[in-house]
């Protein structure tokens, strides 16, 4: 077993008490049965000498253990460790979640990450207890099991949605791991959609608490007209999406009692389902561990009250990196409402119109469209339009790659005229998912600190005590201004 963030004695106490705070942070292998479980598994507890602890499900499966059919490890909330205590591991996991190894191998993934295959395997073993190939395999199996349990898609659709290269490979893998065929694992379906054009509903687990109301309250005024819609009364978020040139939409609601989001996908390509789920997780920051974050930030006299009031505060991510970066540029030195209006103007003039009469009427224009558009057609001051078009050209010309290392993305962004430190850090928060990004010059951050401390203390200096969760501190500071 690889290194763990906590001692075995702590893990044992968490197992014996079925502590939900540790769900997904480690897994328990039972030597006498060859099965691995979540620490909250309701079955009779095995004796201590008969268990092993694993930092990831992939590590347990790599060691020959089978998933428990009772506690279903595939629906455990994502482990914060999978965000990566190593920047390379974190980026590798992100690429794997986007299907980078479905048709490739570890050495090709290593090239994308700028390291050797041997070094990448060593890092994965150190942080996750499993190889990149084992992590990718577990990801495919878990998602396939989730689709078997929650949908009545055909076996072929499930196989290809999960990243298996063939139905035969899917069947053999499931039989090998579970000891039974996929059809014998399938839950009986009652009244669920079979047509992806009508909507496929999936449960996406998270680690409680999650402050859904505050999350929607942040996204609502920033929702791009025609592309996004937030209904605060119904508690829903919806948006248009485009994958592989095909348009669709998603709608998301909270199911607090089950600690999951209910995700409805309307998109005809089954191969896109897993990517849609992963992007949804990133958009709503479902990998976060609010207990760990709150424990550190709650020690700060500046943030303590907000942490106690909003224990489930999340860091909203981005569905599309380019779209969010454009939104960040529009938000430079103007109000949220004004930036939203400008974003809606871009969509109305240049976005692809969809055949719908509802709130979701357009797709956000891709970089190629904005790169060749007339700057006058963007409907904003020339300097800002020039920056957006420079951003679009950088992507089209492969001078900006959001899949690169975070520090490289920051460098590439900073080289674009009109993009300064505030925009780079905002993109770090929303696009790169950097929990330690900190826009120290943000007027809201400065105003909140002055409001709470009644001093003109330097924001960057104060923020040192909030590492490595400074981005979450920013969210707390912004929300304090609305109280």
Protein backbone atom coordinates (compact mmCIF):
# COMPACT_ATOMS: atom_id res chain seq x y z
CA UNK A 1 0.00 0.00 0.00
CA UNK A 2 1.19 3.53 -0.78
CA UNK A 3 1.65 6.41 1.59
CA UNK A 4 -1.55 7.73 3.20
CA UNK A 5 -2.42 11.16 4.47
CA UNK A 6 -3.47 9.77 7.87
CA UNK A 7 -2.19 7.00 10.12
CA UNK A 8 -3.56 3.44 10.02
CA UNK A 9 -4.94 3.89 13.54
CA UNK A 10 -7.07 6.82 12.37
CA UNK A 11 -8.29 4.80 9.40
CA UNK A 12 -9.17 1.90 11.70
CA UNK A 13 -11.21 4.17 13.98
CA UNK A 14 -12.98 5.62 10.95
CA UNK A 15 -13.79 2.11 9.72
CA UNK A 16 -15.10 0.91 13.09
CA UNK A 17 -17.32 3.99 13.48
CA UNK A 18 -18.33 4.03 9.79
CA UNK A 19 -17.37 7.71 9.72
CA UNK A 20 -18.92 9.23 6.59
CA UNK A 21 -16.27 11.96 6.51
CA UNK A 22 -13.80 9.32 5.31
CA UNK A 23 -16.05 7.89 2.61
CA UNK A 24 -14.05 7.83 -0.61
CA UNK A 25 -10.82 8.85 1.08
CA UNK A 26 -9.75 5.25 1.56
CA UNK A 27 -11.06 1.73 0.91
CA UNK A 28 -11.00 -1.41 3.02
CA UNK A 29 -9.83 -4.74 1.62
CA UNK A 30 -11.12 -7.81 3.44
CA UNK A 31 -8.58 -10.64 3.22
CA UNK A 32 -11.05 -13.42 4.00
CA UNK A 33 -13.46 -12.53 1.18
CA UNK A 34 -11.24 -10.82 -1.40
CA UNK A 35 -13.67 -7.89 -1.48
CA UNK A 36 -12.98 -4.19 -0.95
CA UNK A 37 -15.50 -1.81 0.62
CA UNK A 38 -16.12 1.79 1.49
CA UNK A 39 -15.47 2.59 5.18
CA UNK A 40 -19.23 3.13 5.62
CA UNK A 41 -20.19 -0.35 4.34
CA UNK A 42 -23.21 -1.59 6.37
CA UNK A 43 -22.17 -5.26 6.44
CA UNK A 44 -20.85 -6.88 9.61
CA UNK A 45 -17.43 -5.46 10.41
CA UNK A 46 -14.54 -7.86 9.75
CA UNK A 47 -11.86 -8.38 12.38
CA UNK A 48 -9.02 -5.86 12.33
CA UNK A 49 -6.40 -8.45 11.47
CA UNK A 50 -8.36 -9.34 8.34
CA UNK A 51 -8.39 -5.91 6.72
CA UNK A 52 -6.03 -3.80 4.61
CA UNK A 53 -6.36 -0.11 3.80
CA UNK A 54 -6.02 1.26 0.28
CA UNK A 55 -5.76 4.93 -0.75
CA UNK A 56 -7.88 4.36 -3.86
CA UNK A 57 -10.26 1.86 -5.39
CA UNK A 58 -7.73 1.34 -8.17
CA UNK A 59 -5.13 0.26 -5.62
CA UNK A 60 -7.52 -2.30 -4.15
CA UNK A 61 -8.41 -3.71 -7.56
CA UNK A 62 -4.78 -3.75 -8.62
CA UNK A 63 -4.10 -5.90 -5.54
CA UNK A 64 -6.75 -8.41 -6.64
CA UNK A 65 -9.76 -7.30 -4.58
CA UNK A 66 -13.30 -7.17 -6.02
CA UNK A 67 -15.78 -4.30 -5.43
CA UNK A 68 -18.45 -4.86 -2.79
CA UNK A 69 -21.94 -5.19 -4.27
CA UNK A 70 -23.50 -3.93 -1.03
CA UNK A 71 -21.76 -0.58 -0.48
CA UNK A 72 -20.91 -0.09 -4.19
CA UNK A 73 -17.50 1.66 -4.25
CA UNK A 74 -18.31 3.09 -7.69
CA UNK A 75 -20.68 5.64 -6.10
CA UNK A 76 -18.31 6.80 -3.35
CA UNK A 77 -17.56 10.54 -3.49
CA UNK A 78 -14.33 11.28 -5.32
CA UNK A 79 -11.29 11.19 -3.10
CA UNK A 80 -9.56 14.56 -2.58
CA UNK A 81 -6.30 12.63 -3.00
CA UNK A 82 -7.32 12.08 -6.58
CA UNK A 83 -6.95 15.81 -7.09
CA UNK A 84 -3.30 14.98 -6.64
CA UNK A 85 -0.81 16.00 -3.97
CA UNK A 86 1.48 16.05 -7.00
CA UNK A 87 0.79 18.52 -9.82
CA UNK A 88 1.72 15.84 -12.35
CA UNK A 89 -0.67 13.31 -10.77
CA UNK A 90 -3.43 15.90 -10.66
CA UNK A 91 -3.05 16.72 -14.36
CA UNK A 92 -2.74 13.05 -15.20
CA UNK A 93 -6.00 12.25 -13.42
CA UNK A 94 -7.71 15.08 -15.21
CA UNK A 95 -6.59 13.74 -18.59
CA UNK A 96 -7.58 10.19 -17.64
CA UNK A 97 -11.02 11.45 -16.60
CA UNK A 98 -11.34 12.93 -20.09
CA UNK A 99 -10.55 9.55 -21.64
CA UNK A 100 -6.85 10.07 -22.41
CA UNK A 101 -6.04 6.39 -21.84
CA UNK A 102 -9.11 4.82 -23.42
CA UNK A 103 -7.16 4.32 -26.65
CA UNK A 104 -3.64 5.05 -25.47
CA UNK A 105 -1.07 3.92 -22.92
CA UNK A 106 0.90 5.24 -19.98
CA UNK A 107 3.88 6.34 -22.06
CA UNK A 108 1.68 8.47 -24.31
CA UNK A 109 0.06 10.04 -21.24
CA UNK A 110 3.51 10.74 -19.83
CA UNK A 111 4.51 12.58 -23.01
CA UNK A 112 1.47 14.83 -22.65
CA UNK A 113 2.56 15.56 -19.07
CA UNK A 114 6.19 16.19 -19.97
CA UNK A 115 7.63 13.36 -17.85
CA UNK A 116 8.92 9.86 -18.51
CA UNK A 117 6.59 6.89 -18.30
CA UNK A 118 8.67 5.42 -15.47
CA UNK A 119 8.45 8.63 -13.44
CA UNK A 120 4.68 8.85 -14.00
CA UNK A 121 4.17 5.28 -12.81
CA UNK A 122 6.25 6.00 -9.71
CA UNK A 123 4.22 9.12 -8.88
CA UNK A 124 0.90 7.34 -9.31
CA UNK A 125 2.07 4.48 -7.12
CA UNK A 126 3.27 6.92 -4.47
CA UNK A 127 0.09 8.99 -4.32
CA UNK A 128 -2.65 6.54 -5.33
CA UNK A 129 -1.16 3.12 -4.75
CA UNK A 130 -1.90 2.12 -8.34
CA UNK A 131 -0.55 2.58 -11.84
CA UNK A 132 -2.13 4.97 -14.38
CA UNK A 133 -3.41 1.94 -16.30
CA UNK A 134 -5.07 0.56 -13.17
CA UNK A 135 -6.67 3.94 -12.40
CA UNK A 136 -8.03 4.18 -15.95
CA UNK A 137 -9.33 0.61 -15.79
CA UNK A 138 -11.08 1.23 -12.46
CA UNK A 139 -12.60 4.42 -13.83
CA UNK A 140 -14.09 2.51 -16.76
CA UNK A 141 -15.41 -0.32 -14.60
CA UNK A 142 -16.95 1.95 -11.98
CA UNK A 143 -18.71 4.07 -14.55
CA UNK A 144 -20.00 0.99 -16.35
CA UNK A 145 -21.38 -0.36 -13.05
CA UNK A 146 -23.07 2.98 -12.40
CA UNK A 147 -24.74 2.88 -15.81
CA UNK A 148 -25.85 -0.71 -15.20
CA UNK A 149 -27.44 0.33 -11.90
CA UNK A 150 -29.03 3.60 -12.97
CA UNK A 151 -29.98 3.27 -16.64
CA UNK A 152 -31.39 0.79 -19.10
CA UNK A 153 -28.95 1.62 -21.88
CA UNK A 154 -28.00 -1.37 -23.99
CA UNK A 155 -24.86 -3.29 -23.09
CA UNK A 156 -23.13 -1.95 -26.20
CA UNK A 157 -24.02 1.64 -25.26
CA UNK A 158 -22.71 1.11 -21.72
CA UNK A 159 -19.50 -0.47 -23.01
CA UNK A 160 -18.64 2.38 -25.34
CA UNK A 161 -19.88 5.08 -22.92
CA UNK A 162 -17.46 3.72 -20.32
CA UNK A 163 -14.44 3.75 -22.63
CA UNK A 164 -14.22 0.05 -23.44
CA UNK A 165 -12.96 -0.59 -26.93
CA UNK A 166 -15.36 -3.43 -27.58
CA UNK A 167 -18.41 -5.17 -26.14
CA UNK A 168 -16.38 -8.37 -25.79
CA UNK A 169 -13.75 -6.58 -23.66
CA UNK A 170 -16.50 -5.04 -21.53
CA UNK A 171 -18.17 -8.40 -20.90
CA UNK A 172 -14.93 -10.19 -20.05
CA UNK A 173 -13.75 -7.42 -17.69
CA UNK A 174 -17.03 -7.36 -15.76
CA UNK A 175 -17.08 -11.16 -15.49
CA UNK A 176 -13.48 -11.21 -14.32
CA UNK A 177 -14.03 -8.60 -11.61
CA UNK A 178 -17.55 -9.37 -10.37
CA UNK A 179 -17.75 -13.07 -11.17
CA UNK A 180 -20.99 -12.63 -13.10
CA UNK A 181 -22.17 -11.21 -16.41
CA UNK A 182 -23.24 -7.58 -16.86
CA UNK A 183 -26.87 -8.66 -17.36
CA UNK A 184 -26.83 -10.41 -13.96
CA UNK A 185 -25.52 -7.24 -12.31
CA UNK A 186 -28.18 -5.02 -13.84
CA UNK A 187 -30.78 -3.49 -11.54
CA UNK A 188 -34.41 -3.79 -12.64
CA UNK A 189 -35.45 -0.59 -14.40
CA UNK A 190 -38.81 1.09 -13.88
CA UNK A 191 -39.88 3.91 -16.14
CA UNK A 192 -36.45 5.33 -16.96
CA UNK A 193 -35.70 6.85 -20.33
CA UNK A 194 -34.16 4.76 -23.07
CA UNK A 195 -33.86 7.60 -25.58
CA UNK A 196 -30.92 9.94 -24.99
CA UNK A 197 -32.77 12.65 -26.92
CA UNK A 198 -35.38 12.62 -24.14
CA UNK A 199 -32.87 12.67 -21.30
CA UNK A 200 -30.69 10.30 -19.31
CA UNK A 201 -30.70 10.76 -15.53
CA UNK A 202 -27.66 9.91 -13.38
CA UNK A 203 -26.75 10.45 -9.74
CA UNK A 204 -23.38 12.13 -9.20
CA UNK A 205 -22.20 11.73 -5.58
CA UNK A 206 -20.45 14.38 -3.50
CA UNK A 207 -18.99 14.71 -0.04
CA UNK A 208 -21.43 16.48 2.31
CA UNK A 209 -22.11 19.20 3.12
CA UNK A 210 -22.69 21.03 -0.15
CA UNK A 211 -24.31 24.47 0.00
CA UNK A 212 -26.35 24.18 -3.19
CA UNK A 213 -28.33 27.37 -2.59
CA UNK A 214 -25.21 29.50 -2.20
CA UNK A 215 -23.61 27.82 -5.21
CA UNK A 216 -26.62 28.64 -7.39
CA UNK A 217 -26.71 32.13 -5.89
CA UNK A 218 -23.18 32.68 -7.17
CA UNK A 219 -23.83 31.21 -10.62
CA UNK A 220 -27.20 32.87 -11.22
CA UNK A 221 -26.07 36.49 -11.84
CA UNK A 222 -23.14 35.17 -13.90
CA UNK A 223 -25.22 32.83 -16.07
CA UNK A 224 -24.69 33.66 -19.76
CA UNK A 225 -28.06 34.47 -21.35
CA UNK A 226 -29.10 31.85 -23.88
CA UNK A 227 -26.37 29.42 -22.74
CA UNK A 228 -27.10 28.99 -19.01
CA UNK A 229 -30.19 29.27 -16.85
CA UNK A 230 -30.48 29.13 -13.07
CA UNK A 231 -33.88 28.73 -11.43
CA UNK A 232 -33.40 29.63 -7.78
CA UNK A 233 -37.00 28.74 -6.90
CA UNK A 234 -36.70 25.21 -8.29
CA UNK A 235 -33.04 24.87 -7.35
CA UNK A 236 -31.88 23.94 -10.85
CA UNK A 237 -28.96 24.78 -13.10
CA UNK A 238 -29.20 24.14 -16.85
CA UNK A 239 -27.00 24.90 -19.81
CA UNK A 240 -26.37 24.08 -23.46
CA UNK A 241 -23.40 21.88 -24.32
CA UNK A 242 -21.54 20.87 -27.46
CA UNK A 243 -19.35 17.78 -27.72
CA UNK A 244 -17.88 16.38 -30.93
CA UNK A 245 -19.81 19.03 -32.86
CA UNK A 246 -23.16 17.81 -31.51
CA UNK A 247 -25.38 20.07 -29.40
CA UNK A 248 -27.24 19.06 -26.28
CA UNK A 249 -28.04 20.28 -22.79
CA UNK A 250 -27.83 19.30 -19.14
CA UNK A 251 -29.93 20.07 -16.08
CA UNK A 252 -28.72 19.62 -12.51
CA UNK A 253 -30.55 19.49 -9.18
CA UNK A 254 -29.40 18.70 -5.66
CA UNK A 255 -30.54 15.55 -3.87
CA UNK A 256 -29.30 16.45 -0.42
CA UNK A 257 -30.83 13.41 1.26
CA UNK A 258 -28.71 11.15 -0.95
CA UNK A 259 -25.60 13.38 -1.03
CA UNK A 260 -25.65 13.52 -4.80
CA UNK A 261 -26.58 15.75 -7.71
CA UNK A 262 -29.26 14.55 -10.11
CA UNK A 263 -27.84 15.11 -13.58
CA UNK A 264 -30.11 14.96 -16.61
CA UNK A 265 -28.24 14.66 -19.90
CA UNK A 266 -29.85 15.36 -23.25
CA UNK A 267 -27.23 14.49 -25.84
CA UNK A 268 -27.44 11.84 -28.56
CA UNK A 269 -23.86 10.54 -28.29
CA UNK A 270 -23.47 7.83 -25.67
CA UNK A 271 -19.69 8.13 -25.98
CA UNK A 272 -19.97 11.63 -24.49
CA UNK A 273 -21.78 10.61 -21.30
CA UNK A 274 -18.74 10.01 -19.12
CA UNK A 275 -17.08 13.27 -20.17
CA UNK A 276 -20.30 15.14 -19.38
CA UNK A 277 -20.35 13.61 -15.89
CA UNK A 278 -16.70 14.55 -15.28
CA UNK A 279 -17.26 18.11 -16.43
CA UNK A 280 -20.28 18.36 -14.14
CA UNK A 281 -18.14 17.23 -11.21
CA UNK A 282 -15.59 19.94 -11.99
CA UNK A 283 -18.24 22.60 -12.57
CA UNK A 284 -19.71 22.09 -9.10
CA UNK A 285 -16.45 21.21 -7.33
CA UNK A 286 -17.68 17.78 -6.25
CA UNK A 287 -14.18 16.51 -5.44
CA UNK A 288 -13.79 18.98 -2.57
CA UNK A 289 -13.54 17.86 1.05
CA UNK A 290 -15.41 20.59 2.98
CA UNK A 291 -14.33 19.20 6.36
CA UNK A 292 -10.63 19.47 5.54
CA UNK A 293 -11.00 22.92 3.99
CA UNK A 294 -13.20 24.22 6.81
CA UNK A 295 -10.88 22.89 9.51
CA UNK A 296 -8.04 25.11 8.28
CA UNK A 297 -9.99 28.21 7.24
CA UNK A 298 -12.11 28.07 10.39
CA UNK A 299 -9.02 28.80 12.48
CA UNK A 300 -8.81 32.26 10.90
CA UNK A 301 -10.53 35.02 12.87
CA UNK A 302 -11.33 36.69 9.55
CA UNK A 303 -13.08 33.68 8.05
CA UNK A 304 -14.39 31.80 11.10
CA UNK A 305 -17.90 33.27 11.03
CA UNK A 306 -18.34 32.62 7.31
CA UNK A 307 -17.02 29.05 7.59
CA UNK A 308 -19.50 28.32 10.38
CA UNK A 309 -22.36 29.85 8.37
CA UNK A 310 -21.42 28.22 5.05
CA UNK A 311 -19.72 24.88 5.84
CA UNK A 312 -20.50 23.49 2.39
CA UNK A 313 -19.20 26.38 0.32
CA UNK A 314 -17.66 25.24 -2.97
CA UNK A 315 -15.40 26.73 -5.62
CA UNK A 316 -17.47 26.89 -8.84
CA UNK A 317 -15.57 25.60 -11.83
CA UNK A 318 -16.10 25.94 -15.57
CA UNK A 319 -17.85 23.84 -18.18
CA UNK A 320 -15.60 25.16 -20.94
CA UNK A 321 -12.19 26.81 -20.32
CA UNK A 322 -12.45 29.21 -23.26
CA UNK A 323 -15.96 30.31 -22.38
CA UNK A 324 -15.01 30.99 -18.76
CA UNK A 325 -11.84 32.87 -19.70
CA UNK A 326 -13.85 35.12 -22.01
CA UNK A 327 -16.25 35.68 -19.12
CA UNK A 328 -13.30 36.59 -16.88
CA UNK A 329 -12.02 39.13 -19.41
CA UNK A 330 -15.47 40.68 -19.65
CA UNK A 331 -15.55 40.99 -15.86
CA UNK A 332 -12.44 43.11 -15.64
CA UNK A 333 -13.23 46.30 -13.69
CA UNK A 334 -17.00 46.23 -14.36
CA UNK A 335 -19.97 44.85 -12.46
CA UNK A 336 -21.14 41.25 -12.67
CA UNK A 337 -24.38 42.38 -14.30
CA UNK A 338 -22.56 44.39 -16.97
CA UNK A 339 -20.22 41.50 -17.78
CA UNK A 340 -23.19 39.13 -18.07
CA UNK A 341 -24.88 41.51 -20.48
CA UNK A 342 -21.77 41.64 -22.67
CA UNK A 343 -21.50 37.84 -22.65
CA UNK A 344 -25.12 37.56 -23.73
CA UNK A 345 -24.46 40.01 -26.56
CA UNK A 346 -21.58 37.87 -27.87
CA UNK A 347 -23.76 34.76 -27.76
CA UNK A 348 -26.69 36.45 -29.48
CA UNK A 349 -24.52 37.78 -32.31
CA UNK A 350 -22.07 34.93 -32.83
CA UNK A 351 -23.39 31.84 -31.05
CA UNK A 352 -25.02 28.96 -32.86
CA UNK A 353 -28.78 29.20 -32.45
CA UNK A 354 -30.64 26.08 -31.37
CA UNK A 355 -34.14 24.93 -32.22
CA UNK A 356 -35.74 25.66 -28.85
CA UNK A 357 -38.21 28.11 -27.38
CA UNK A 358 -36.96 27.90 -23.80
CA UNK A 359 -34.21 29.75 -21.93
CA UNK A 360 -31.44 27.70 -23.58
CA UNK A 361 -31.30 29.08 -27.09
CA UNK A 362 -27.63 29.19 -28.13
CA UNK A 363 -24.24 27.57 -27.90
CA UNK A 364 -21.32 29.73 -26.83
CA UNK A 365 -19.21 30.57 -29.92
CA UNK A 366 -15.97 28.56 -30.16
CA UNK A 367 -12.50 30.17 -30.45
CA UNK A 368 -12.41 29.87 -34.26
CA UNK A 369 -15.59 31.93 -34.59
CA UNK A 370 -14.46 34.69 -32.24
CA UNK A 371 -10.97 34.77 -33.76
CA UNK A 372 -12.28 35.73 -37.20
CA UNK A 373 -15.24 37.88 -36.09
CA UNK A 374 -15.26 41.62 -36.64
CA UNK A 375 -14.28 43.37 -33.40
CA UNK A 376 -17.18 45.78 -33.91
CA UNK A 377 -19.57 42.82 -33.87
CA UNK A 378 -18.60 41.93 -30.32
CA UNK A 379 -20.47 44.93 -28.98
CA UNK A 380 -17.94 46.16 -26.43
CA UNK A 381 -15.02 48.58 -26.08
CA UNK A 382 -12.30 47.95 -28.66
CA UNK A 383 -9.56 47.11 -26.13
CA UNK A 384 -11.63 44.37 -24.53
CA UNK A 385 -12.69 42.98 -27.89
CA UNK A 386 -9.05 42.88 -28.98
CA UNK A 387 -8.12 40.90 -25.86
CA UNK A 388 -10.86 38.34 -26.44
CA UNK A 389 -9.84 37.90 -30.05
CA UNK A 390 -6.18 37.56 -29.05
CA UNK A 391 -7.23 34.83 -26.61
CA UNK A 392 -9.21 33.05 -29.35
CA UNK A 393 -6.30 33.24 -31.79
CA UNK A 394 -3.89 31.89 -29.17
CA UNK A 395 -6.06 28.78 -28.82
CA UNK A 396 -6.58 28.35 -32.56
CA UNK A 397 -2.84 28.70 -33.16
CA UNK A 398 -2.00 26.28 -30.30
CA UNK A 399 -0.23 29.00 -28.33
CA UNK A 400 -2.57 28.42 -25.37
CA UNK A 401 -3.45 24.94 -24.11
CA UNK A 402 -5.64 24.66 -21.02
CA UNK A 403 -4.52 21.03 -20.62
CA UNK A 404 -0.94 22.09 -19.95
CA UNK A 405 0.58 22.43 -16.48
CA UNK A 406 -1.16 25.16 -14.45
CA UNK A 407 1.98 27.28 -14.25
CA UNK A 408 2.37 27.03 -18.03
CA UNK A 409 -1.26 28.01 -18.61
CA UNK A 410 -0.73 31.01 -16.36
CA UNK A 411 2.36 31.99 -18.34
CA UNK A 412 0.56 31.61 -21.66
CA UNK A 413 -2.40 33.65 -20.45
CA UNK A 414 -0.19 36.37 -19.02
CA UNK A 415 1.54 36.81 -22.39
CA UNK A 416 -1.73 37.90 -24.02
CA UNK A 417 -2.15 41.65 -24.11
CA UNK A 418 -5.00 42.80 -21.90
CA UNK A 419 -4.83 39.83 -19.51
CA UNK A 420 -3.34 40.82 -16.17
CA UNK A 421 -2.72 39.14 -12.81
CA UNK A 422 -6.38 39.36 -11.67
CA UNK A 423 -7.67 37.54 -14.74
CA UNK A 424 -4.92 34.93 -14.52
CA UNK A 425 -5.79 34.15 -10.89
CA UNK A 426 -9.53 34.14 -11.57
CA UNK A 427 -8.94 31.64 -14.36
CA UNK A 428 -6.78 29.69 -11.91
CA UNK A 429 -9.75 29.49 -9.56
CA UNK A 430 -12.57 28.78 -12.01
CA UNK A 431 -10.86 27.01 -14.94
CA UNK A 432 -7.78 25.30 -13.54
CA UNK A 433 -9.46 24.39 -10.27
CA UNK A 434 -6.43 25.60 -8.31
CA UNK A 435 -7.54 25.61 -4.65
CA UNK A 436 -4.73 28.01 -3.78
CA UNK A 437 -5.32 30.63 -6.51
CA UNK A 438 -5.62 34.08 -4.99
CA UNK A 439 -6.44 37.35 -6.84
CA UNK A 440 -4.86 39.61 -4.22
CA UNK A 441 -5.81 42.79 -6.10
CA UNK A 442 -9.52 41.92 -6.31
CA UNK A 443 -11.56 44.86 -5.03
CA UNK A 444 -14.13 42.58 -3.42
CA UNK A 445 -11.45 40.68 -1.51
CA UNK A 446 -9.87 43.92 -0.29
CA UNK A 447 -13.24 45.40 0.66
CA UNK A 448 -14.26 42.28 2.59
CA UNK A 449 -11.00 42.17 4.55
CA UNK A 450 -11.34 45.84 5.46
CA UNK A 451 -14.96 45.31 6.46
CA UNK A 452 -14.09 42.42 8.79
CA UNK A 453 -10.77 43.65 10.20
CA UNK A 454 -11.36 47.43 10.02
CA UNK A 455 -7.79 47.76 8.78
CA UNK A 456 -5.99 48.20 5.47
CA UNK A 457 -3.97 45.02 5.95
CA UNK A 458 -2.22 43.61 2.90
CA UNK A 459 -4.46 40.92 1.40
CA UNK A 460 -1.61 38.79 0.03
CA UNK A 461 0.15 38.77 3.40
CA UNK A 462 -3.02 37.86 5.29
CA UNK A 463 -3.78 35.09 2.84
CA UNK A 464 -0.62 33.17 3.68
CA UNK A 465 -2.43 31.63 6.66
CA UNK A 466 -5.09 30.23 4.31
CA UNK A 467 -2.78 28.12 2.15
CA UNK A 468 -3.43 25.74 0.42
CA UNK A 469 -7.11 26.79 0.31
CA UNK A 470 -6.83 30.48 -0.58
CA UNK A 471 -9.34 30.18 -3.45
CA UNK A 472 -11.97 28.98 -0.97
CA UNK A 473 -11.05 31.88 1.28
CA UNK A 474 -11.82 34.20 -1.64
CA UNK A 475 -15.27 32.64 -1.97
CA UNK A 476 -15.92 33.21 1.74
CA UNK A 477 -14.75 36.82 1.47
CA UNK A 478 -16.95 37.50 -1.53
CA UNK A 479 -19.98 35.98 0.17
CA UNK A 480 -19.34 38.03 3.34
CA UNK A 481 -20.07 41.16 1.33
CA UNK A 482 -23.65 39.96 0.69
CA UNK A 483 -24.41 39.51 4.40
